[in-house]
Protein backbone atom coordinates (compact mmCIF):
# COMPACT_ATOMS: atom_id res chain seq x y z
CA MET A 1 -61.26 194.55 86.45
CA ASN A 2 -62.13 196.04 83.06
CA PRO A 3 -63.31 193.41 80.54
CA ALA A 4 -63.23 195.88 77.65
CA ALA A 5 -59.60 196.84 78.37
CA ASP A 6 -58.62 193.16 78.68
CA THR A 7 -60.20 192.43 75.30
CA VAL A 8 -58.23 195.26 73.67
CA SER A 9 -54.98 194.16 75.33
CA VAL A 10 -55.18 190.66 73.80
CA LEU A 11 -56.59 191.68 70.43
CA TRP A 12 -53.07 191.32 69.01
CA ILE A 13 -53.43 187.53 69.42
CA ALA A 14 -56.35 187.32 67.02
CA ARG A 15 -54.68 189.74 64.62
CA LEU A 16 -51.39 187.84 64.67
CA LEU A 17 -53.25 184.59 64.01
CA HIS A 18 -54.98 186.34 61.11
CA ALA A 19 -51.66 187.54 59.67
CA THR A 20 -50.11 184.06 59.99
CA ASP A 21 -52.99 182.19 58.37
CA SER A 22 -52.42 180.77 54.88
CA PHE A 23 -55.62 182.63 53.90
CA TYR A 24 -53.81 185.97 54.46
CA PRO A 25 -53.05 187.60 51.07
CA THR A 26 -49.24 187.47 50.95
CA GLY A 27 -48.84 184.84 48.22
CA ALA A 28 -46.69 182.67 50.50
CA TYR A 29 -48.68 179.55 49.55
CA ALA A 30 -47.23 179.76 46.02
CA HIS A 31 -43.62 179.24 47.19
CA SER A 32 -41.63 176.24 48.40
CA PHE A 33 -38.39 178.22 49.04
CA GLY A 34 -36.22 175.64 47.30
CA LEU A 35 -37.96 172.53 48.60
CA GLU A 36 -39.34 171.70 45.16
CA GLY A 37 -35.79 171.82 43.80
CA LEU A 38 -34.65 169.40 46.50
CA VAL A 39 -37.51 167.05 45.66
CA GLN A 40 -36.68 167.23 41.95
CA ALA A 41 -33.06 166.37 42.79
CA GLY A 42 -34.19 163.39 44.89
CA ALA A 43 -32.60 164.78 48.05
CA VAL A 44 -35.99 164.98 49.78
CA HIS A 45 -38.23 162.10 48.73
CA ASP A 46 -40.22 160.87 51.75
CA ARG A 47 -41.19 161.74 55.32
CA ASP A 48 -37.83 160.72 56.79
CA THR A 49 -35.76 162.84 54.41
CA LEU A 50 -38.18 165.73 54.86
CA ARG A 51 -37.82 165.41 58.62
CA ARG A 52 -34.03 165.56 58.38
CA PHE A 53 -34.29 168.59 56.11
CA LEU A 54 -36.58 170.46 58.50
CA LEU A 55 -34.68 169.65 61.70
CA ARG A 56 -31.09 169.83 60.40
CA GLN A 57 -31.40 172.51 57.74
CA ALA A 58 -34.55 174.63 57.90
CA VAL A 59 -34.78 175.28 61.65
CA PRO A 60 -31.06 176.08 62.17
CA GLN A 61 -31.04 178.34 59.12
CA LEU A 62 -34.12 180.21 60.31
CA ALA A 63 -32.44 180.79 63.67
CA ARG A 64 -29.39 182.40 62.05
CA THR A 65 -31.26 184.43 59.46
CA GLU A 66 -34.98 185.25 59.53
CA LEU A 67 -35.55 185.00 63.28
CA ALA A 68 -32.41 186.89 64.26
CA VAL A 69 -33.09 189.75 61.83
CA ALA A 70 -36.76 189.95 62.82
CA ALA A 71 -35.85 190.10 66.52
CA ARG A 72 -33.56 193.06 65.91
CA ALA A 73 -36.12 194.75 63.70
CA TRP A 74 -38.80 194.36 66.39
CA ASP A 75 -36.44 195.99 68.89
CA ALA A 76 -35.60 198.82 66.49
CA ALA A 77 -39.28 199.48 65.74
CA GLY A 78 -40.00 200.74 69.26
CA ASP A 79 -41.29 204.18 70.20
CA PRO A 80 -39.68 206.07 68.56
CA PRO A 81 -38.48 203.74 65.80
CA ASP A 82 -34.78 203.66 64.92
CA TRP A 83 -35.19 204.17 61.17
CA ASP A 84 -31.48 203.94 60.32
CA THR A 85 -31.24 200.55 62.01
CA LEU A 86 -34.43 199.35 60.34
CA ARG A 87 -33.07 200.32 56.93
CA SER A 88 -29.82 198.44 57.60
CA LEU A 89 -31.72 195.39 58.83
CA ALA A 90 -33.99 195.45 55.77
CA GLU A 91 -30.89 195.36 53.55
CA LEU A 92 -29.38 192.57 55.67
CA GLY A 93 -32.60 190.55 55.63
CA ALA A 94 -32.70 190.69 51.85
CA ALA A 95 -29.00 189.87 51.47
CA LEU A 96 -29.16 186.77 53.67
CA ARG A 97 -31.25 184.94 51.07
CA GLY A 98 -28.90 182.75 49.08
CA THR A 99 -30.52 182.67 45.63
CA ARG A 100 -32.34 185.06 43.32
CA GLU A 101 -35.56 183.06 43.50
CA THR A 102 -35.74 183.05 47.28
CA ARG A 103 -34.79 186.75 47.50
CA SER A 104 -37.56 187.57 45.05
CA ALA A 105 -40.03 185.37 46.96
CA SER A 106 -39.19 187.01 50.28
CA ALA A 107 -39.44 190.48 48.75
CA GLY A 108 -42.82 189.76 47.19
CA ILE A 109 -44.27 188.26 50.37
CA GLY A 110 -42.84 191.07 52.50
CA ALA A 111 -44.19 193.79 50.23
CA GLN A 112 -47.67 192.29 50.11
CA ARG A 113 -47.69 191.78 53.86
CA LEU A 114 -46.63 195.35 54.64
CA ASP A 115 -49.01 196.87 52.10
CA PHE A 116 -51.94 194.95 53.56
CA ALA A 117 -50.89 195.70 57.14
CA ALA A 118 -50.84 199.40 56.25
CA THR A 119 -54.31 199.08 54.72
CA LEU A 120 -55.72 197.30 57.77
CA HIS A 121 -53.89 199.05 60.60
CA ASN A 122 -52.07 202.12 59.23
CA GLY A 123 -49.60 203.30 61.92
CA LEU A 124 -46.05 201.95 61.89
CA ALA A 125 -46.57 199.77 58.82
CA ALA A 126 -47.73 202.72 56.74
CA GLU A 127 -44.81 204.88 57.88
CA PHE A 128 -42.32 202.10 57.16
CA ASN A 129 -43.77 201.74 53.66
CA ARG A 130 -43.47 205.48 53.06
CA ARG A 131 -39.82 205.55 54.09
CA ALA A 132 -39.03 202.34 52.21
CA ALA A 133 -40.52 203.77 49.02
CA ALA A 134 -38.64 207.06 49.40
CA GLY A 135 -35.31 205.38 50.19
CA LEU A 136 -35.70 202.31 47.96
CA TRP A 137 -35.36 199.97 50.94
CA PRO A 138 -35.97 196.27 50.39
CA ARG A 139 -38.91 194.79 52.27
CA PRO A 140 -38.01 191.15 53.00
CA ALA A 141 -40.53 188.90 54.71
CA CYS A 142 -38.69 188.83 58.06
CA ILE A 143 -38.75 192.63 58.34
CA ALA A 144 -42.40 192.71 57.31
CA ALA A 145 -43.24 190.24 60.09
CA ALA A 146 -41.47 192.39 62.68
CA ILE A 147 -43.04 195.67 61.53
CA GLU A 148 -46.49 194.12 61.32
CA GLY A 149 -46.06 192.54 64.76
CA ARG A 150 -45.13 195.89 66.27
CA THR A 151 -48.09 197.51 64.49
CA LEU A 152 -50.38 194.92 66.09
CA GLY A 153 -48.82 195.36 69.55
CA ALA A 154 -47.56 191.76 69.65
CA PRO A 155 -44.63 190.83 71.95
CA ARG A 156 -41.31 189.94 70.30
CA ASP A 157 -41.36 186.23 71.13
CA ALA A 158 -44.88 185.93 69.76
CA VAL A 159 -43.80 187.59 66.51
CA LEU A 160 -40.84 185.23 66.22
CA ALA A 161 -43.05 182.22 66.96
CA ALA A 162 -45.49 183.31 64.24
CA LEU A 163 -42.60 183.77 61.80
CA LEU A 164 -41.26 180.31 62.64
CA TYR A 165 -44.69 178.76 62.24
CA GLY A 166 -45.27 180.50 58.90
CA ALA A 167 -41.95 179.32 57.48
CA LEU A 168 -42.19 175.70 58.68
CA SER A 169 -45.88 175.24 57.94
CA GLY A 170 -45.26 176.62 54.45
CA LEU A 171 -42.55 174.05 53.82
CA VAL A 172 -44.70 171.22 55.15
CA ALA A 173 -47.72 172.38 53.13
CA ALA A 174 -45.55 172.41 50.01
CA ALA A 175 -44.29 168.93 50.86
CA VAL A 176 -47.87 167.61 51.00
CA LYS A 177 -48.23 168.60 47.34
CA LEU A 178 -44.78 167.35 46.32
CA LEU A 179 -44.56 164.05 48.22
CA ARG A 180 -46.81 161.17 49.26
CA LEU A 181 -47.50 162.72 52.67
CA GLY A 182 -50.81 162.54 54.51
CA GLN A 183 -52.31 164.99 56.99
CA ASN A 184 -51.41 163.05 60.14
CA ALA A 185 -47.83 162.49 59.00
CA SER A 186 -47.41 166.12 57.98
CA HIS A 187 -48.85 167.60 61.18
CA THR A 188 -46.89 165.35 63.54
CA LEU A 189 -43.77 166.36 61.62
CA LEU A 190 -44.70 170.05 61.83
CA ALA A 191 -45.27 169.73 65.58
CA GLU A 192 -41.80 168.19 66.00
CA ALA A 193 -40.17 170.93 63.94
CA LEU A 194 -41.97 173.67 65.89
CA ALA A 195 -40.82 172.14 69.17
CA ALA A 196 -37.24 172.12 67.88
CA GLY A 197 -37.66 175.75 66.87
CA ALA A 198 -38.46 176.90 70.42
CA ALA A 199 -34.75 177.06 71.25
CA ALA A 200 -34.15 179.06 68.08
CA ILE A 201 -36.69 181.67 69.19
CA GLN A 202 -34.91 182.02 72.53
CA ALA A 203 -31.44 182.25 70.97
CA ALA A 204 -32.17 184.49 67.98
CA PRO A 205 -32.32 187.89 69.76
CA SER A 206 -28.87 187.50 71.31
CA LEU A 207 -26.96 186.19 68.28
CA PRO A 208 -24.14 188.62 67.36
CA LEU A 209 -24.48 190.24 63.96
CA GLU A 210 -21.22 188.69 62.79
CA ARG A 211 -22.69 185.21 63.36
CA LEU A 212 -25.77 185.77 61.22
CA GLY A 213 -26.07 183.98 57.90
CA ALA A 214 -26.14 180.44 56.58
CA PHE A 215 -24.04 178.57 54.02
CA ASN A 216 -25.96 175.72 52.46
CA PRO A 217 -24.86 175.03 48.86
CA TRP A 218 -26.98 171.86 48.75
CA TRP A 219 -30.16 173.88 49.28
CA ASP A 220 -29.01 176.91 47.26
CA ILE A 221 -28.04 174.88 44.18
CA ALA A 222 -31.41 173.11 44.23
CA SER A 223 -33.12 176.49 44.43
CA ALA A 224 -31.04 177.93 41.59
CA ARG A 225 -31.75 174.92 39.36
CA HIS A 226 -35.44 175.31 40.08
CA GLU A 227 -35.46 178.59 38.10
CA THR A 228 -34.90 176.73 34.82
CA ALA A 229 -36.74 173.49 35.62
CA ASP A 230 -38.92 172.11 32.83
CA PHE A 231 -41.84 171.77 35.26
CA ARG A 232 -42.58 173.83 38.36
CA LEU A 233 -45.49 173.57 40.75
CA PHE A 234 -44.22 176.47 42.88
CA ILE A 235 -42.75 179.89 42.00
CA SER A 236 -39.66 179.26 44.15
């Protein structure tokens, strides 16, 4: 038994927790990804409507978009990385966002995450950034999560779980500011949504490419209207 080797082998856990924390400098805390637009429209107005939104809209959409793309990107980022596939997945990950605001939000978060991962850990993240800059690849948040996870040595399911947690906790944190929602109510709701997302993590890697994507005009229209709202607490 080698305690030092065991410590190194699980260091990715601490680093993944660090990268998922709201304290991490990605700017994700400044976005609601369309939730503020839904609140302004009255579609989400209390805990019950937020719960329906998370379970019926957010989790299924994550399964067919962010999680599925990130799973493929994690696979493609092996040793050696498949750069052609990673470029295609980066373009797909950006295109799957339905509105300009959410595409811009994902791109900003992804860029900040990859830049900081390259600063902290160099390696794969730095090489991805170099190729992305040279080829003008987009850097959506789901690709950034996969590349950073590979850089940290985190297993695929752990990377997907962290991505799921980041997306759902971000929505719930935004809801605390937008609705009359206390800490106990918000965290029990987050726990329920995360439990529902476990099946999405298992299914995402095997979803065929032709089944990826989500059509949700209700959410997209609210996000698009948010761009010209008279008052905005969040960027998206």
